[in-house]
C-alpha atoms as a PDB file:
ATOM      1  CA  ALA A   1       0.000   0.000   0.000  1.00  0.00           C
ATOM      2  CA  GLY A   2       2.830   2.380   0.854  1.00  0.00           C
ATOM      3  CA  PHE A   3       4.502   1.703  -2.465  1.00  0.00           C
ATOM      4  CA  ILE A   4       1.325   2.574  -4.352  1.00  0.00           C
ATOM      5  CA  ALA A   5       0.714   5.646  -2.185  1.00  0.00           C
ATOM      6  CA  ALA A   6       4.188   6.962  -3.053  1.00  0.00           C
ATOM      7  CA  GLY A   7       2.988   7.458  -6.629  1.00  0.00           C
ATOM      8  CA  GLY A   8       4.595   6.795  -9.950  1.00  0.00           C
ATOM      9  CA  PRO A   9       3.777   4.129 -12.480  1.00  0.00           C
ATOM     10  CA  ILE A  10       4.102   0.649 -10.983  1.00  0.00           C
ATOM     11  CA  SER A  11       4.647  -0.990 -14.358  1.00  0.00           C
ATOM     12  CA  THR A  12       8.026   0.712 -14.713  1.00  0.00           C
ATOM     13  CA  GLN A  13       9.081  -0.105 -11.132  1.00  0.00           C
ATOM     14  CA  LEU A  14       8.224  -3.782 -10.782  1.00  0.00           C
ATOM     15  CA  ASP A  15      11.791  -4.582  -9.751  1.00  0.00           C
ATOM     16  CA  VAL A  16      11.609  -2.082  -6.892  1.00  0.00           C
ATOM     17  CA  LEU A  17       8.168  -3.364  -5.880  1.00  0.00           C
ATOM     18  CA  GLY A  18       9.437  -6.947  -5.889  1.00  0.00           C
ATOM     19  CA  SER A  19      12.472  -5.997  -3.813  1.00  0.00           C
ATOM     20  CA  ALA A  20      10.280  -4.140  -1.336  1.00  0.00           C
ATOM     21  CA  VAL A  21       7.840  -7.033  -0.955  1.00  0.00           C
ATOM     22  CA  VAL A  22      10.429  -9.814  -0.677  1.00  0.00           C
ATOM     23  CA  GLY A  23      12.852  -7.793   1.466  1.00  0.00           C
ATOM     24  CA  THR A  24      10.114  -6.697   3.858  1.00  0.00           C
ATOM     25  CA  ALA A  25       8.746 -10.244   4.146  1.00  0.00           C
ATOM     26  CA  LEU A  26      12.207 -11.570   5.007  1.00  0.00           C
ATOM     27  CA  CYS A  27      12.851  -8.808   7.562  1.00  0.00           C
ATOM     28  CA  SER A  28       9.469  -9.491   9.169  1.00  0.00           C
ATOM     29  CA  SER A  29      10.201 -13.226   9.243  1.00  0.00           C
ATOM     30  CA  CYS A  30      13.531 -12.496  10.885  1.00  0.00           C
ATOM     31  CA  ALA A  31      11.900 -10.332  13.549  1.00  0.00           C
ATOM     32  CA  ALA A  32       9.276 -12.975  14.285  1.00  0.00           C
ATOM     33  CA  GLY A  33      11.957 -15.668  14.425  1.00  0.00           C
ATOM     34  CA  TRP A  34      14.072 -13.742  16.941  1.00  0.00           C
ATOM     35  CA  ASN A  35      10.969 -13.077  19.006  1.00  0.00           C
ATOM     36  CA  GLN A  36      10.221 -16.803  19.190  1.00  0.00           C
ATOM     37  CA  ILE A  37      13.847 -17.572  20.061  1.00  0.00           C
ATOM     38  CA  PHE A  38      13.806 -15.041  22.909  1.00  0.00           C
ATOM     39  CA  GLU A  39      10.355 -16.095  24.144  1.00  0.00           C
ATOM     40  CA  GLN A  40      10.733 -19.892  24.252  1.00  0.00           C
ATOM     41  CA  ASN A  41      10.280 -20.073  28.010  1.00  0.00           C
ATOM     42  CA  ARG A  42       7.160 -17.891  28.027  1.00  0.00           C
ATOM     43  CA  ASP A  43       5.767 -19.619  24.935  1.00  0.00           C
ATOM     44  CA  SER A  44       5.987 -22.980  26.703  1.00  0.00           C
ATOM     45  CA  LYS A  45       3.650 -21.699  29.424  1.00  0.00           C
ATOM     46  CA  MET A  46       0.888 -20.276  27.219  1.00  0.00           C
ATOM     47  CA  LYS A  47      -1.600 -22.617  25.610  1.00  0.00           C
ATOM     48  CA  ARG A  48      -1.763 -20.466  22.458  1.00  0.00           C
ATOM     49  CA  THR A  49       1.990 -20.783  21.833  1.00  0.00           C
ATOM     50  CA  GLN A  50       2.785 -24.253  23.177  1.00  0.00           C
ATOM     51  CA  GLN A  51       2.741 -25.814  19.707  1.00  0.00           C
ATOM     52  CA  ARG A  52       5.480 -23.622  18.256  1.00  0.00           C
ATOM     53  CA  PRO A  53       8.414 -25.589  16.791  1.00  0.00           C
ATOM     54  CA  LEU A  54      10.992 -24.334  19.297  1.00  0.00           C
ATOM     55  CA  VAL A  55       8.756 -25.124  22.250  1.00  0.00           C
ATOM     56  CA  LYS A  56       7.946 -28.605  20.917  1.00  0.00           C
ATOM     57  CA  GLY A  57      11.580 -29.261  20.039  1.00  0.00           C
ATOM     58  CA  THR A  58      10.933 -29.961  16.356  1.00  0.00           C
ATOM     59  CA  LEU A  59      13.352 -27.127  15.584  1.00  0.00           C
ATOM     60  CA  THR A  60      16.518 -26.539  17.606  1.00  0.00           C
ATOM     61  CA  THR A  61      17.535 -23.121  18.834  1.00  0.00           C
ATOM     62  CA  ASN A  62      20.659 -23.266  16.652  1.00  0.00           C
ATOM     63  CA  GLU A  63      18.585 -24.083  13.564  1.00  0.00           C
ATOM     64  CA  ALA A  64      16.263 -21.181  14.373  1.00  0.00           C
ATOM     65  CA  ILE A  65      19.171 -18.794  14.892  1.00  0.00           C
ATOM     66  CA  THR A  66      20.711 -19.834  11.574  1.00  0.00           C
ATOM     67  CA  ALA A  67      17.465 -19.432   9.620  1.00  0.00           C
ATOM     68  CA  THR A  68      16.571 -16.180  11.348  1.00  0.00           C
ATOM     69  CA  THR A  69      19.990 -14.673  10.704  1.00  0.00           C
ATOM     70  CA  LEU A  70      19.859 -15.665   7.031  1.00  0.00           C
ATOM     71  CA  TRP A  71      16.391 -14.125   6.676  1.00  0.00           C
ATOM     72  CA  GLY A  72      17.575 -10.868   8.237  1.00  0.00           C
ATOM     73  CA  VAL A  73      20.726 -10.604   6.152  1.00  0.00           C
ATOM     74  CA  ALA A  74      18.892 -11.536   2.947  1.00  0.00           C
ATOM     75  CA  GLY A  75      15.960  -9.201   3.612  1.00  0.00           C
ATOM     76  CA  THR A  76      18.122  -6.225   4.496  1.00  0.00           C
ATOM     77  CA  SER A  77      20.409  -6.888   1.525  1.00  0.00           C
ATOM     78  CA  ILE A  78      17.493  -7.119  -0.901  1.00  0.00           C
ATOM     79  CA  LEU A  79      16.091  -3.855   0.433  1.00  0.00           C
ATOM     80  CA  ALA A  80      19.500  -2.170   0.233  1.00  0.00           C
ATOM     81  CA  LEU A  81      20.151  -3.331  -3.329  1.00  0.00           C
ATOM     82  CA  GLY A  82      16.647  -2.958  -4.710  1.00  0.00           C
ATOM     83  CA  THR A  83      15.006  -0.027  -2.954  1.00  0.00           C
ATOM     84  CA  ASP A  84      16.348   3.028  -1.142  1.00  0.00           C
ATOM     85  CA  PRO A  85      18.059   3.865   2.182  1.00  0.00           C
ATOM     86  CA  VAL A  86      14.809   4.813   3.929  1.00  0.00           C
ATOM     87  CA  THR A  87      13.150   1.500   3.072  1.00  0.00           C
ATOM     88  CA  THR A  88      16.274  -0.399   4.099  1.00  0.00           C
ATOM     89  CA  THR A  89      16.422   1.440   7.422  1.00  0.00           C
ATOM     90  CA  LEU A  90      12.746   0.722   8.071  1.00  0.00           C
ATOM     91  CA  GLY A  91      13.255  -2.980   7.316  1.00  0.00           C
ATOM     92  CA  ALA A  92      16.261  -3.258   9.632  1.00  0.00           C
ATOM     93  CA  SER A  93      14.490  -1.208  12.306  1.00  0.00           C
ATOM     94  CA  ASN A  94      11.539  -3.588  12.133  1.00  0.00           C
ATOM     95  CA  ILE A  95      13.873  -6.424  13.143  1.00  0.00           C
ATOM     96  CA  VAL A  96      15.386  -4.507  16.049  1.00  0.00           C
ATOM     97  CA  LEU A  97      12.134  -3.065  17.361  1.00  0.00           C
ATOM     98  CA  TYR A  98       9.996  -6.201  17.124  1.00  0.00           C
ATOM     99  CA  ALA A  99      12.605  -8.689  18.273  1.00  0.00           C
ATOM    100  CA  GLY A 100      14.306  -6.466  20.828  1.00  0.00           C
ATOM    101  CA  ALA A 101      11.924  -3.892  22.217  1.00  0.00           C
ATOM    102  CA  TYR A 102       8.745  -5.938  21.915  1.00  0.00           C
END
């Protein structure tokens, strides 16, 4: 929605749109992954979150850290290479704010 609101013809900026969508999705996945890594103990106590892979042990903490790190590096890199500095900063900030402050 933000991309469309910024104006300009989308048909000539499909590469930027694709980079924004994929990069943002990866940054959001990274933030959610770090949150689940940090919250394993709490998640094990809440019925709503007891079936998460880290809580159940179907995914190890090291596997989660590896995947989460790759998602963050890939997402931020895609945003940096395919969009602009503001979008890249927002994507990286999403990781820090959601995983750290939240």
